[in-house]
C-alpha atoms as a PDB file:
ATOM      1  CA  MET A   1      -1.266  -5.879 -62.090  1.00  0.00           C
ATOM      2  CA  LYS A   2      -5.076  -5.864 -62.154  1.00  0.00           C
ATOM      3  CA  LYS A   3      -5.008  -9.238 -63.906  1.00  0.00           C
ATOM      4  CA  TYR A   4      -3.023 -10.745 -61.055  1.00  0.00           C
ATOM      5  CA  LEU A   5      -5.234  -9.192 -58.395  1.00  0.00           C
ATOM      6  CA  LEU A   6      -8.320 -10.710 -59.966  1.00  0.00           C
ATOM      7  CA  ALA A   7      -6.543 -14.041 -59.942  1.00  0.00           C
ATOM      8  CA  PHE A   8      -5.794 -13.557 -56.271  1.00  0.00           C
ATOM      9  CA  VAL A   9      -9.459 -12.852 -55.671  1.00  0.00           C
ATOM     10  CA  CYS A  10     -10.116 -16.409 -56.791  1.00  0.00           C
ATOM     11  CA  SER A  11      -7.951 -17.709 -53.960  1.00  0.00           C
ATOM     12  CA  ILE A  12      -9.760 -15.631 -51.375  1.00  0.00           C
ATOM     13  CA  LEU A  13     -13.304 -16.099 -52.598  1.00  0.00           C
ATOM     14  CA  PHE A  14     -13.217 -19.620 -54.052  1.00  0.00           C
ATOM     15  CA  PHE A  15     -15.754 -18.426 -56.621  1.00  0.00           C
ATOM     16  CA  THR A  16     -15.596 -18.942 -60.369  1.00  0.00           C
ATOM     17  CA  GLN A  17     -17.686 -18.362 -63.434  1.00  0.00           C
ATOM     18  CA  CYS A  18     -18.100 -22.119 -63.900  1.00  0.00           C
ATOM     19  CA  GLN A  19     -20.971 -22.354 -61.408  1.00  0.00           C
ATOM     20  CA  ASN A  20     -24.374 -23.558 -62.644  1.00  0.00           C
ATOM     21  CA  THR A  21     -27.289 -23.081 -60.295  1.00  0.00           C
ATOM     22  CA  THR A  22     -30.119 -25.074 -61.874  1.00  0.00           C
ATOM     23  CA  ASN A  23     -32.562 -25.454 -59.012  1.00  0.00           C
ATOM     24  CA  GLU A  24     -34.221 -28.603 -60.349  1.00  0.00           C
ATOM     25  CA  ASN A  25     -30.918 -30.461 -60.394  1.00  0.00           C
ATOM     26  CA  ALA A  26     -30.074 -29.085 -56.970  1.00  0.00           C
ATOM     27  CA  SER A  27     -33.330 -30.471 -55.610  1.00  0.00           C
ATOM     28  CA  ASN A  28     -32.713 -33.843 -57.196  1.00  0.00           C
ATOM     29  CA  GLU A  29     -29.281 -34.101 -55.635  1.00  0.00           C
ATOM     30  CA  THR A  30     -30.548 -32.977 -52.258  1.00  0.00           C
ATOM     31  CA  SER A  31     -33.372 -35.488 -52.219  1.00  0.00           C
ATOM     32  CA  SER A  32     -31.084 -38.456 -52.822  1.00  0.00           C
ATOM     33  CA  SER A  33     -31.738 -40.827 -49.929  1.00  0.00           C
ATOM     34  CA  SER A  34     -28.374 -42.562 -50.181  1.00  0.00           C
ATOM     35  CA  GLN A  35     -26.547 -39.239 -50.148  1.00  0.00           C
ATOM     36  CA  SER A  36     -28.538 -37.966 -47.164  1.00  0.00           C
ATOM     37  CA  LYS A  37     -27.886 -41.170 -45.281  1.00  0.00           C
ATOM     38  CA  GLN A  38     -24.169 -40.958 -45.964  1.00  0.00           C
ATOM     39  CA  LEU A  39     -24.045 -37.350 -44.804  1.00  0.00           C
ATOM     40  CA  SER A  40     -26.224 -37.979 -41.726  1.00  0.00           C
ATOM     41  CA  THR A  41     -28.773 -35.315 -42.645  1.00  0.00           C
ATOM     42  CA  LEU A  42     -32.501 -34.898 -42.020  1.00  0.00           C
ATOM     43  CA  PRO A  43     -35.404 -34.972 -44.529  1.00  0.00           C
ATOM     44  CA  LEU A  44     -35.980 -31.768 -46.494  1.00  0.00           C
ATOM     45  CA  SER A  45     -38.888 -31.031 -48.814  1.00  0.00           C
ATOM     46  CA  LYS A  46     -38.311 -30.274 -52.480  1.00  0.00           C
ATOM     47  CA  GLU A  47     -39.884 -26.844 -51.979  1.00  0.00           C
ATOM     48  CA  ASP A  48     -37.491 -25.962 -49.150  1.00  0.00           C
ATOM     49  CA  SER A  49     -34.564 -27.397 -51.073  1.00  0.00           C
ATOM     50  CA  THR A  50     -35.338 -25.147 -54.032  1.00  0.00           C
ATOM     51  CA  PHE A  51     -35.861 -22.092 -51.802  1.00  0.00           C
ATOM     52  CA  TYR A  52     -32.537 -22.488 -49.988  1.00  0.00           C
ATOM     53  CA  ALA A  53     -30.694 -23.306 -53.209  1.00  0.00           C
ATOM     54  CA  GLN A  54     -31.933 -19.989 -54.604  1.00  0.00           C
ATOM     55  CA  GLU A  55     -31.131 -18.035 -51.448  1.00  0.00           C
ATOM     56  CA  GLY A  56     -27.691 -19.628 -51.062  1.00  0.00           C
ATOM     57  CA  THR A  57     -26.774 -18.881 -54.654  1.00  0.00           C
ATOM     58  CA  LYS A  58     -27.977 -15.284 -54.315  1.00  0.00           C
ATOM     59  CA  LEU A  59     -26.053 -14.668 -51.090  1.00  0.00           C
ATOM     60  CA  ALA A  60     -22.859 -16.285 -52.365  1.00  0.00           C
ATOM     61  CA  LYS A  61     -22.946 -13.941 -55.357  1.00  0.00           C
ATOM     62  CA  GLN A  62     -23.633 -10.929 -53.123  1.00  0.00           C
ATOM     63  CA  MET A  63     -20.690 -11.715 -50.878  1.00  0.00           C
ATOM     64  CA  TYR A  64     -18.455 -12.168 -53.894  1.00  0.00           C
ATOM     65  CA  ALA A  65     -19.577  -8.885 -55.433  1.00  0.00           C
ATOM     66  CA  GLY A  66     -19.150  -6.980 -52.165  1.00  0.00           C
ATOM     67  CA  ILE A  67     -15.595  -8.135 -51.610  1.00  0.00           C
ATOM     68  CA  LEU A  68     -14.635  -7.611 -55.248  1.00  0.00           C
ATOM     69  CA  GLU A  69     -15.879  -4.024 -55.099  1.00  0.00           C
ATOM     70  CA  LYS A  70     -13.688  -3.336 -52.059  1.00  0.00           C
ATOM     71  CA  LEU A  71     -10.690  -4.977 -53.694  1.00  0.00           C
ATOM     72  CA  ARG A  72     -11.019  -2.877 -56.835  1.00  0.00           C
ATOM     73  CA  LYS A  73     -11.070   0.241 -54.694  1.00  0.00           C
ATOM     74  CA  ALA A  74      -8.014  -0.957 -52.777  1.00  0.00           C
ATOM     75  CA  LEU A  75      -6.205  -1.613 -56.049  1.00  0.00           C
ATOM     76  CA  ASP A  76      -6.905   1.887 -57.331  1.00  0.00           C
ATOM     77  CA  GLU A  77      -5.893   3.560 -54.073  1.00  0.00           C
ATOM     78  CA  LEU A  78      -3.142   1.304 -52.691  1.00  0.00           C
ATOM     79  CA  GLY A  79      -1.626  -0.603 -55.603  1.00  0.00           C
ATOM     80  CA  TYR A  80      -1.184  -4.337 -56.170  1.00  0.00           C
ATOM     81  CA  TYR A  81       0.940  -5.486 -53.237  1.00  0.00           C
ATOM     82  CA  GLU A  82      -1.038  -3.583 -50.614  1.00  0.00           C
ATOM     83  CA  SER A  83      -4.254  -4.851 -52.174  1.00  0.00           C
ATOM     84  CA  VAL A  84      -3.099  -8.427 -51.607  1.00  0.00           C
ATOM     85  CA  LYS A  85      -2.530  -7.559 -47.960  1.00  0.00           C
ATOM     86  CA  TYR A  86      -5.981  -5.989 -47.885  1.00  0.00           C
ATOM     87  CA  CYS A  87      -7.459  -9.313 -49.063  1.00  0.00           C
ATOM     88  CA  ASN A  88      -5.629 -11.137 -46.327  1.00  0.00           C
ATOM     89  CA  HIS A  89      -6.904  -8.877 -43.567  1.00  0.00           C
ATOM     90  CA  HIS A  90     -10.381  -7.898 -44.726  1.00  0.00           C
ATOM     91  CA  ALA A  91     -11.922 -10.621 -46.927  1.00  0.00           C
ATOM     92  CA  LEU A  92     -13.279 -12.672 -44.022  1.00  0.00           C
ATOM     93  CA  PRO A  93     -14.689  -9.673 -42.088  1.00  0.00           C
ATOM     94  CA  LEU A  94     -16.435  -8.475 -45.241  1.00  0.00           C
ATOM     95  CA  THR A  95     -18.063 -11.873 -45.672  1.00  0.00           C
ATOM     96  CA  ASP A  96     -19.044 -11.952 -42.011  1.00  0.00           C
ATOM     97  CA  SER A  97     -20.647  -8.509 -42.276  1.00  0.00           C
ATOM     98  CA  LEU A  98     -23.184  -9.610 -44.884  1.00  0.00           C
ATOM     99  CA  ALA A  99     -23.666 -12.949 -43.143  1.00  0.00           C
ATOM    100  CA  ASN A 100     -24.531 -11.202 -39.873  1.00  0.00           C
ATOM    101  CA  TYR A 101     -26.996  -8.940 -41.673  1.00  0.00           C
ATOM    102  CA  TYR A 102     -28.923 -11.969 -42.949  1.00  0.00           C
ATOM    103  CA  GLY A 103     -28.490 -14.007 -39.784  1.00  0.00           C
ATOM    104  CA  ILE A 104     -26.516 -16.737 -41.523  1.00  0.00           C
ATOM    105  CA  LYS A 105     -23.058 -18.282 -41.310  1.00  0.00           C
ATOM    106  CA  ALA A 106     -20.900 -18.272 -44.433  1.00  0.00           C
ATOM    107  CA  LYS A 107     -17.428 -19.354 -45.465  1.00  0.00           C
ATOM    108  CA  ARG A 108     -15.342 -20.663 -48.344  1.00  0.00           C
ATOM    109  CA  THR A 109     -13.582 -23.914 -47.625  1.00  0.00           C
ATOM    110  CA  SER A 110     -11.456 -26.550 -49.306  1.00  0.00           C
ATOM    111  CA  LEU A 111      -9.566 -29.790 -48.743  1.00  0.00           C
ATOM    112  CA  LYS A 112      -6.400 -27.897 -49.716  1.00  0.00           C
ATOM    113  CA  LEU A 113      -6.253 -24.816 -47.544  1.00  0.00           C
ATOM    114  CA  ARG A 114      -4.635 -21.509 -48.166  1.00  0.00           C
ATOM    115  CA  ASN A 115      -6.062 -19.723 -45.136  1.00  0.00           C
ATOM    116  CA  PRO A 116      -6.378 -21.956 -42.011  1.00  0.00           C
ATOM    117  CA  ALA A 117      -9.410 -19.901 -40.961  1.00  0.00           C
ATOM    118  CA  ASN A 118     -11.330 -21.687 -43.735  1.00  0.00           C
ATOM    119  CA  THR A 119     -10.774 -25.201 -42.333  1.00  0.00           C
ATOM    120  CA  PRO A 120     -13.760 -27.449 -43.218  1.00  0.00           C
ATOM    121  CA  ASP A 121     -15.922 -29.122 -40.601  1.00  0.00           C
ATOM    122  CA  GLU A 122     -16.908 -32.788 -40.911  1.00  0.00           C
ATOM    123  CA  LEU A 123     -19.952 -32.215 -43.131  1.00  0.00           C
ATOM    124  CA  GLU A 124     -17.998 -29.844 -45.347  1.00  0.00           C
ATOM    125  CA  LYS A 125     -15.268 -32.465 -45.747  1.00  0.00           C
ATOM    126  CA  GLN A 126     -17.835 -35.048 -46.847  1.00  0.00           C
ATOM    127  CA  VAL A 127     -19.442 -32.623 -49.297  1.00  0.00           C
ATOM    128  CA  LEU A 128     -16.054 -31.664 -50.720  1.00  0.00           C
ATOM    129  CA  LYS A 129     -15.213 -35.329 -51.262  1.00  0.00           C
ATOM    130  CA  MET A 130     -18.621 -35.888 -52.864  1.00  0.00           C
ATOM    131  CA  TYR A 131     -17.982 -33.068 -55.342  1.00  0.00           C
ATOM    132  CA  GLN A 132     -14.554 -34.444 -56.156  1.00  0.00           C
ATOM    133  CA  GLN A 133     -16.093 -37.832 -56.944  1.00  0.00           C
ATOM    134  CA  THR A 134     -19.121 -36.626 -58.922  1.00  0.00           C
ATOM    135  CA  LEU A 135     -17.610 -33.474 -60.515  1.00  0.00           C
ATOM    136  CA  SER A 136     -21.075 -31.947 -60.170  1.00  0.00           C
ATOM    137  CA  LYS A 137     -21.539 -28.218 -60.678  1.00  0.00           C
ATOM    138  CA  GLN A 138     -24.912 -28.080 -58.916  1.00  0.00           C
ATOM    139  CA  PRO A 139     -25.573 -26.645 -55.441  1.00  0.00           C
ATOM    140  CA  VAL A 140     -26.865 -28.983 -52.745  1.00  0.00           C
ATOM    141  CA  VAL A 141     -28.908 -28.308 -49.620  1.00  0.00           C
ATOM    142  CA  TYR A 142     -29.128 -30.430 -46.466  1.00  0.00           C
ATOM    143  CA  LYS A 143     -31.117 -30.125 -43.263  1.00  0.00           C
ATOM    144  CA  THR A 144     -29.010 -30.750 -40.150  1.00  0.00           C
ATOM    145  CA  LYS A 145     -29.274 -30.160 -36.425  1.00  0.00           C
ATOM    146  CA  GLU A 146     -27.305 -26.945 -36.911  1.00  0.00           C
ATOM    147  CA  GLY A 147     -29.720 -25.586 -39.526  1.00  0.00           C
ATOM    148  CA  ILE A 148     -30.083 -25.689 -43.303  1.00  0.00           C
ATOM    149  CA  ARG A 149     -26.691 -26.201 -44.957  1.00  0.00           C
ATOM    150  CA  PHE A 150     -26.114 -24.896 -48.501  1.00  0.00           C
ATOM    151  CA  PHE A 151     -23.095 -25.801 -50.620  1.00  0.00           C
ATOM    152  CA  THR A 152     -22.053 -24.880 -54.120  1.00  0.00           C
ATOM    153  CA  PRO A 153     -18.821 -26.040 -55.748  1.00  0.00           C
ATOM    154  CA  ILE A 154     -16.000 -23.911 -57.076  1.00  0.00           C
ATOM    155  CA  TYR A 155     -13.840 -25.114 -59.923  1.00  0.00           C
ATOM    156  CA  ILE A 156     -10.549 -23.735 -61.161  1.00  0.00           C
ATOM    157  CA  ALA A 157     -11.016 -21.407 -64.113  1.00  0.00           C
ATOM    158  CA  GLU A 158      -8.116 -20.441 -66.362  1.00  0.00           C
ATOM    159  CA  PHE A 159      -7.459 -17.135 -64.600  1.00  0.00           C
ATOM    160  CA  CYS A 160      -7.310 -18.941 -61.228  1.00  0.00           C
ATOM    161  CA  LEU A 161      -4.110 -20.670 -62.346  1.00  0.00           C
ATOM    162  CA  ASN A 162      -2.310 -17.359 -61.820  1.00  0.00           C
ATOM    163  CA  CYS A 163      -2.731 -17.968 -58.104  1.00  0.00           C
ATOM    164  CA  HIS A 164      -3.409 -21.713 -57.801  1.00  0.00           C
ATOM    165  CA  GLY A 165      -1.409 -23.228 -60.632  1.00  0.00           C
ATOM    166  CA  LYS A 166       2.217 -24.308 -60.695  1.00  0.00           C
ATOM    167  CA  PRO A 167       4.715 -21.917 -59.054  1.00  0.00           C
ATOM    168  CA  TYR A 168       6.874 -20.049 -61.586  1.00  0.00           C
ATOM    169  CA  GLU A 169       4.961 -21.695 -64.444  1.00  0.00           C
ATOM    170  CA  ASN A 170       1.427 -20.369 -63.877  1.00  0.00           C
ATOM    171  CA  ILE A 171       1.903 -18.261 -60.745  1.00  0.00           C
ATOM    172  CA  PRO A 172       3.868 -15.054 -61.488  1.00  0.00           C
ATOM    173  CA  ASP A 173       6.810 -14.204 -59.262  1.00  0.00           C
ATOM    174  CA  VAL A 174       5.147 -11.142 -57.738  1.00  0.00           C
ATOM    175  CA  THR A 175       2.075 -13.154 -56.768  1.00  0.00           C
ATOM    176  CA  LEU A 176       4.188 -16.000 -55.412  1.00  0.00           C
ATOM    177  CA  ARG A 177       6.169 -13.655 -53.191  1.00  0.00           C
ATOM    178  CA  ALA A 178       2.977 -12.253 -51.717  1.00  0.00           C
ATOM    179  CA  LEU A 179       1.510 -15.716 -51.142  1.00  0.00           C
ATOM    180  CA  ASN A 180       4.680 -17.018 -49.492  1.00  0.00           C
ATOM    181  CA  GLU A 181       4.685 -14.083 -47.110  1.00  0.00           C
ATOM    182  CA  LEU A 182       1.007 -14.125 -46.213  1.00  0.00           C
ATOM    183  CA  TYR A 183       0.323 -17.878 -46.351  1.00  0.00           C
ATOM    184  CA  PRO A 184       3.496 -19.779 -45.349  1.00  0.00           C
ATOM    185  CA  LYS A 185       1.577 -23.084 -45.075  1.00  0.00           C
ATOM    186  CA  ASP A 186      -0.269 -22.678 -48.351  1.00  0.00           C
ATOM    187  CA  GLU A 187      -1.553 -25.957 -49.845  1.00  0.00           C
ATOM    188  CA  ALA A 188      -3.652 -24.420 -52.613  1.00  0.00           C
ATOM    189  CA  ARG A 189      -1.208 -24.750 -55.503  1.00  0.00           C
ATOM    190  CA  ASN A 190      -0.490 -27.024 -58.460  1.00  0.00           C
ATOM    191  CA  TYR A 191      -4.100 -27.107 -59.614  1.00  0.00           C
ATOM    192  CA  GLU A 192      -5.080 -27.601 -63.228  1.00  0.00           C
ATOM    193  CA  ILE A 193      -7.991 -26.009 -65.038  1.00  0.00           C
ATOM    194  CA  TYR A 194     -11.420 -27.422 -64.056  1.00  0.00           C
ATOM    195  CA  ASP A 195     -10.066 -29.035 -60.871  1.00  0.00           C
ATOM    196  CA  ILE A 196     -12.377 -28.584 -57.901  1.00  0.00           C
ATOM    197  CA  ARG A 197     -11.072 -25.834 -55.644  1.00  0.00           C
ATOM    198  CA  GLY A 198     -13.604 -25.905 -52.826  1.00  0.00           C
ATOM    199  CA  VAL A 199     -17.135 -24.874 -51.905  1.00  0.00           C
ATOM    200  CA  TRP A 200     -19.164 -21.979 -50.646  1.00  0.00           C
ATOM    201  CA  SER A 201     -20.692 -23.145 -47.355  1.00  0.00           C
ATOM    202  CA  ILE A 202     -23.704 -21.285 -45.956  1.00  0.00           C
ATOM    203  CA  THR A 203     -25.730 -22.248 -42.884  1.00  0.00           C
ATOM    204  CA  PHE A 204     -29.284 -20.897 -42.613  1.00  0.00           C
ATOM    205  CA  PRO A 205     -31.129 -20.846 -39.267  1.00  0.00           C
ATOM    206  CA  GLU A 206     -34.524 -22.561 -39.078  1.00  0.00           C
ATOM    207  CA  ASN A 207     -36.254 -19.163 -38.867  1.00  0.00           C
ATOM    208  CA  TYR A 208     -34.486 -17.730 -41.915  1.00  0.00           C
ATOM    209  CA  SER A 209     -37.760 -17.140 -43.777  1.00  0.00           C
ATOM    210  CA  SER A 210     -38.943 -14.888 -40.945  1.00  0.00           C
ATOM    211  CA  ILE A 211     -35.620 -13.035 -40.896  1.00  0.00           C
ATOM    212  CA  LEU A 212     -35.808 -12.524 -44.650  1.00  0.00           C
ATOM    213  CA  ASN A 213     -39.368 -11.181 -44.393  1.00  0.00           C
ATOM    214  CA  GLN A 214     -38.299  -8.702 -41.720  1.00  0.00           C
ATOM    215  CA  ILE A 215     -35.409  -7.503 -43.862  1.00  0.00           C
ATOM    216  CA  THR A 216     -37.643  -7.185 -46.921  1.00  0.00           C
ATOM    217  CA  ASN A 217     -40.334  -5.246 -45.034  1.00  0.00           C
ATOM    218  CA  LYS A 218     -37.715  -3.009 -43.448  1.00  0.00           C
ATOM    219  CA  ASN A 219     -36.319  -2.051 -46.827  1.00  0.00           C
END
C-alpha cells in the first residue's frame, strides 16, 4: 500500500528524482536570446538567473517534502484509500501555504492534466513544449511583466508508472479505482519511463530578495 501511495504522490507533486539543478546550465539556457524572444520575456542577468534557479530549486524541494510528510502521516493514521482522498483535497492548499509564506506563486502543471486546477498558462505551455523538444533536465528562469518565472522539468521515473502508466498493466486496480473516482477527466496516463510529465512553475515578485531578507532576519 505504501508503494502505491508514493506512486500517487508523483501524480500530485509532479516531482521526480531525475531532476538535475546545475546552475551554470540553467543560466546558459536562460540567457539564450532566441529562446527569450520566442517566449516573449525580458532580459535577465546571469547573476539573477543563478540566484532564482537556486531559490526555485530549493522551494520546489521544500514544497515536495512538506506535502510528502503530511501524506505519510495520513497513510499511517487513515490508510491507503483515505490518504489518496487526502492528496486530492489538501495537496494544493499545502503548496499554497508555503508559497504565501515566501510571497511567491507556485504550482505543478502539465500538457496532460490530471487535476484541472493545474491548467498551464500561455508561458507554461510554451515552456512545457520546449522541454518536450529539448528533453532538458535543467531549470530555466525568465523575467516577465508578472515577475521572475522559474521552471524545472519533471520526468516519469519507474515508480511513477504505478499512477501514470498503462491502466491494468502498470497502474494497479486499487489505484485506478481511486483515480477514476477523484479525477474523471484524467489525461495523465499511458506514460512511459523518462517521458516528460510536467514542470514546477514558480513566480517570484520583483522584491523577492527583500522578502527573503526579512524572513531570514526574522528567523
